[in-house]
Amino acid sequence: MTDIRSLDDMQLDAVKEVGNIGAGHAATALSQLIDKKIMIAVPKVLCLPLMRVVDLVGGPQSLVAGVTMHVLGDISAKIVLILPRQSALQLASLLIKQESEERRTLSMLEHSAIKEAGNILAGAYLNALTEFLGLLLLQSVPQLVFDMAEAVVNELAKGFPASTEVICIETEFMESQRVIHGYFFLMPDKVSLDIILRATQVPK
């Protein structure tokens, strides 16, 4: 079975291409959701240890919104969207069409809006995977957590060993003066990573 750490350059390029297509689908879905043009920065695709995710999204004490869903069907994985607090508030502001207040908690309306947007964005990414890989992929009901990064990452890490390597697609969605910085994490088990690589027709 393949481990993300053992991927060669050709395999990593295939994984990055999946990430790029997914991010593009997510930008299109967000644009349709708010009925405004969304620009997207060129995504950065990283493979990193699960233990480094906390630092990547701002440090253990930083407030973030995390939307988690399980991938079912031909592979077993998690897709997680993490938004730093300010980006989460900017997204909520776009969705509910009013400025979000600076505070440590989300209103019920903001919570609902971010959860729905996270569902749509992660779903768009999953649809891109489905089209690109030709696999049957289904998503579970999304779960939203708004908490310190350490708590959110601990929650998403449940069921995975600390040594797990994850695929991160880091990108920015831009609308007028707003910038929404987001991190998509794809966490496949080793069997599923093998299936993904076979589907890209890249040899192990």
Protein backbone atom coordinates (compact mmCIF):
# COMPACT_ATOMS: atom_id res chain seq x y z
CA MET A 1 0.00 0.00 0.00
CA THR A 2 1.19 3.52 -0.81
CA ASP A 3 1.98 6.20 1.74
CA ILE A 4 1.77 9.89 0.76
CA ARG A 5 5.36 10.30 1.95
CA SER A 6 6.54 7.78 -0.65
CA LEU A 7 4.99 9.48 -3.70
CA ASP A 8 7.38 10.39 -6.50
CA ASP A 9 7.25 13.61 -8.54
CA MET A 10 4.91 12.19 -11.18
CA GLN A 11 2.49 10.91 -8.56
CA LEU A 12 2.59 14.22 -6.68
CA ASP A 13 1.87 16.08 -9.93
CA ALA A 14 -1.23 13.91 -10.43
CA VAL A 15 -2.41 14.66 -6.89
CA LYS A 16 -1.77 18.39 -7.44
CA GLU A 17 -3.78 18.33 -10.67
CA VAL A 18 -6.72 16.86 -8.78
CA GLY A 19 -6.33 19.66 -6.22
CA ASN A 20 -6.22 22.37 -8.88
CA ILE A 21 -9.36 21.11 -10.60
CA GLY A 22 -11.15 20.80 -7.26
CA ALA A 23 -10.30 24.35 -6.25
CA GLY A 24 -11.55 25.65 -9.60
CA HIS A 25 -14.85 23.80 -9.18
CA ALA A 26 -15.17 25.23 -5.68
CA ALA A 27 -14.67 28.80 -6.94
CA THR A 28 -17.34 28.29 -9.61
CA ALA A 29 -19.76 26.88 -7.03
CA LEU A 30 -19.16 29.83 -4.69
CA SER A 31 -19.70 32.29 -7.53
CA GLN A 32 -23.04 30.66 -8.38
CA LEU A 33 -24.03 30.61 -4.71
CA ILE A 34 -23.58 34.36 -4.18
CA ASP A 35 -24.32 35.38 -7.79
CA LYS A 36 -21.08 37.34 -8.00
CA LYS A 37 -17.82 36.78 -9.83
CA ILE A 38 -15.23 34.99 -7.73
CA MET A 39 -11.56 35.07 -8.65
CA ILE A 40 -9.25 32.35 -7.46
CA ALA A 41 -5.54 32.44 -6.75
CA VAL A 42 -3.41 29.60 -8.10
CA PRO A 43 -3.78 26.92 -5.43
CA LYS A 44 -0.81 25.62 -3.51
CA VAL A 45 -0.95 21.86 -3.10
CA LEU A 46 1.05 20.43 -0.22
CA CYS A 47 1.54 17.02 1.32
CA LEU A 48 2.26 17.36 5.02
CA PRO A 49 1.99 15.49 8.32
CA LEU A 50 -1.30 15.83 10.19
CA MET A 51 0.60 17.29 13.15
CA ARG A 52 1.65 20.31 11.03
CA VAL A 53 -1.89 21.31 10.07
CA VAL A 54 -2.37 23.38 13.26
CA ASP A 55 0.59 25.63 12.46
CA LEU A 56 -0.41 25.95 8.81
CA VAL A 57 -3.85 27.37 9.68
CA GLY A 58 -2.57 29.92 12.20
CA GLY A 59 -1.38 28.16 15.35
CA PRO A 60 -3.07 26.23 18.17
CA GLN A 61 -4.92 29.20 19.72
CA SER A 62 -6.20 30.77 16.49
CA LEU A 63 -9.95 30.64 15.89
CA VAL A 64 -11.01 28.73 12.78
CA ALA A 65 -14.11 27.25 11.21
CA GLY A 66 -13.79 23.63 10.16
CA VAL A 67 -16.28 21.82 7.92
CA THR A 68 -15.73 18.05 7.87
CA MET A 69 -17.35 15.40 5.72
CA HIS A 70 -16.64 11.74 5.16
CA VAL A 71 -16.14 10.38 1.65
CA LEU A 72 -17.85 7.08 0.96
CA GLY A 73 -18.09 4.83 -2.08
CA ASP A 74 -15.00 3.64 -3.97
CA ILE A 75 -12.63 5.22 -1.45
CA SER A 76 -12.66 5.98 2.26
CA ALA A 77 -11.44 9.45 3.22
CA LYS A 78 -12.23 12.73 4.91
CA ILE A 79 -12.50 16.11 3.23
CA VAL A 80 -12.01 19.02 5.59
CA LEU A 81 -12.35 22.72 4.79
CA ILE A 82 -10.67 25.00 7.33
CA LEU A 83 -11.24 28.77 7.24
CA PRO A 84 -9.37 31.16 9.55
CA ARG A 85 -11.81 33.24 11.64
CA GLN A 86 -11.60 36.36 9.47
CA SER A 87 -12.15 34.36 6.27
CA ALA A 88 -15.10 32.56 7.86
CA LEU A 89 -16.66 35.91 8.76
CA GLN A 90 -16.00 37.27 5.24
CA LEU A 91 -17.70 34.21 3.76
CA ALA A 92 -20.67 34.59 6.10
CA SER A 93 -20.91 38.26 5.15
CA LEU A 94 -21.09 37.38 1.45
CA LEU A 95 -23.75 34.77 2.04
CA ILE A 96 -26.08 36.68 4.33
CA LYS A 97 -25.41 39.98 2.54
CA GLN A 98 -24.59 41.95 5.65
CA GLU A 99 -21.38 42.77 7.48
CA SER A 100 -20.41 40.29 10.17
CA GLU A 101 -19.50 41.66 13.57
CA GLU A 102 -16.08 41.11 15.13
CA ARG A 103 -16.65 38.55 17.86
CA ARG A 104 -15.47 35.14 18.99
CA THR A 105 -18.74 33.34 18.31
CA LEU A 106 -20.93 32.94 15.25
CA SER A 107 -24.59 33.89 15.15
CA MET A 108 -27.00 31.10 14.25
CA LEU A 109 -27.44 32.64 10.80
CA GLU A 110 -23.67 32.83 10.21
CA HIS A 111 -23.21 29.28 11.48
CA SER A 112 -25.87 27.98 9.10
CA ALA A 113 -24.47 29.98 6.16
CA ILE A 114 -20.89 28.77 6.67
CA LYS A 115 -22.02 25.17 7.08
CA GLU A 116 -24.03 25.32 3.87
CA ALA A 117 -21.18 27.04 1.98
CA GLY A 118 -18.71 24.49 3.33
CA ASN A 119 -21.01 21.73 2.17
CA ILE A 120 -21.21 23.25 -1.32
CA LEU A 121 -17.47 23.97 -1.58
CA ALA A 122 -16.41 20.56 -0.33
CA GLY A 123 -19.09 18.97 -2.51
CA ALA A 124 -17.72 20.82 -5.56
CA TYR A 125 -14.25 19.53 -4.75
CA LEU A 126 -15.63 16.00 -4.38
CA ASN A 127 -17.46 16.30 -7.71
CA ALA A 128 -14.18 17.32 -9.35
CA LEU A 129 -12.55 14.22 -7.88
CA THR A 130 -15.42 12.09 -9.18
CA GLU A 131 -15.10 13.47 -12.72
CA PHE A 132 -11.31 13.40 -12.81
CA LEU A 133 -10.91 9.93 -11.31
CA GLY A 134 -14.03 8.24 -12.67
CA LEU A 135 -14.86 6.86 -9.22
CA LEU A 136 -18.12 6.68 -7.30
CA LEU A 137 -17.69 9.12 -4.41
CA LEU A 138 -20.45 10.06 -1.98
CA GLN A 139 -20.38 12.61 0.82
CA SER A 140 -21.76 12.44 4.32
CA VAL A 141 -23.69 15.25 6.01
CA PRO A 142 -21.13 17.99 6.84
CA GLN A 143 -20.23 18.92 10.40
CA LEU A 144 -19.17 22.48 11.32
CA VAL A 145 -16.92 23.31 14.26
CA PHE A 146 -15.95 26.89 15.18
CA ASP A 147 -13.18 26.66 17.74
CA MET A 148 -9.45 27.01 18.33
CA ALA A 149 -7.36 25.38 15.60
CA GLU A 150 -5.92 22.77 17.94
CA ALA A 151 -9.40 21.56 18.93
CA VAL A 152 -10.61 21.51 15.32
CA VAL A 153 -7.58 19.55 14.12
CA ASN A 154 -7.92 17.10 17.00
CA GLU A 155 -11.50 16.52 15.94
CA LEU A 156 -10.64 15.91 12.28
CA ALA A 157 -7.76 13.63 13.30
CA LYS A 158 -10.08 11.14 15.02
CA GLY A 159 -9.61 7.69 13.51
CA PHE A 160 -6.25 8.59 11.96
CA PRO A 161 -2.80 7.94 13.52
CA ALA A 162 -0.68 11.00 14.39
CA SER A 163 1.79 10.03 11.65
CA THR A 164 -0.89 10.40 8.92
CA GLU A 165 0.12 12.50 5.92
CA VAL A 166 -2.61 14.68 4.39
CA ILE A 167 -3.05 16.45 1.06
CA CYS A 168 -3.67 20.19 1.48
CA ILE A 169 -5.02 22.51 -1.21
CA GLU A 170 -4.41 26.06 -0.01
CA THR A 171 -6.12 28.80 -1.99
CA GLU A 172 -7.73 32.24 -1.92
CA PHE A 173 -11.17 33.18 -3.21
CA MET A 174 -11.49 36.87 -4.02
CA GLU A 175 -14.63 38.99 -4.45
CA SER A 176 -14.26 42.78 -4.69
CA GLN A 177 -12.45 43.80 -1.49
CA ARG A 178 -12.97 40.48 0.28
CA VAL A 179 -10.38 37.71 0.38
CA ILE A 180 -11.37 34.30 1.70
CA HIS A 181 -8.37 32.16 2.54
CA GLY A 182 -9.21 28.48 2.74
CA TYR A 183 -7.53 25.13 3.22
CA PHE A 184 -8.99 21.93 1.79
CA PHE A 185 -7.58 18.77 3.31
CA LEU A 186 -8.01 15.36 1.68
CA MET A 187 -7.28 12.53 4.10
CA PRO A 188 -7.42 9.13 2.36
CA ASP A 189 -6.41 5.90 4.02
CA LYS A 190 -3.55 3.98 2.36
CA VAL A 191 -5.83 1.65 0.40
CA SER A 192 -7.77 4.65 -0.95
CA LEU A 193 -4.57 6.45 -1.94
CA ASP A 194 -3.67 3.40 -4.04
CA ILE A 195 -7.10 3.56 -5.69
CA ILE A 196 -6.68 7.30 -6.41
CA LEU A 197 -3.28 6.76 -8.02
CA ARG A 198 -4.58 3.88 -10.16
CA ALA A 199 -7.48 6.09 -11.28
CA THR A 200 -5.04 8.81 -12.39
CA GLN A 201 -3.22 6.10 -14.39
CA VAL A 202 0.03 7.05 -12.71
CA PRO A 203 2.10 3.98 -11.77
CA LYS A 204 2.89 3.37 -8.11
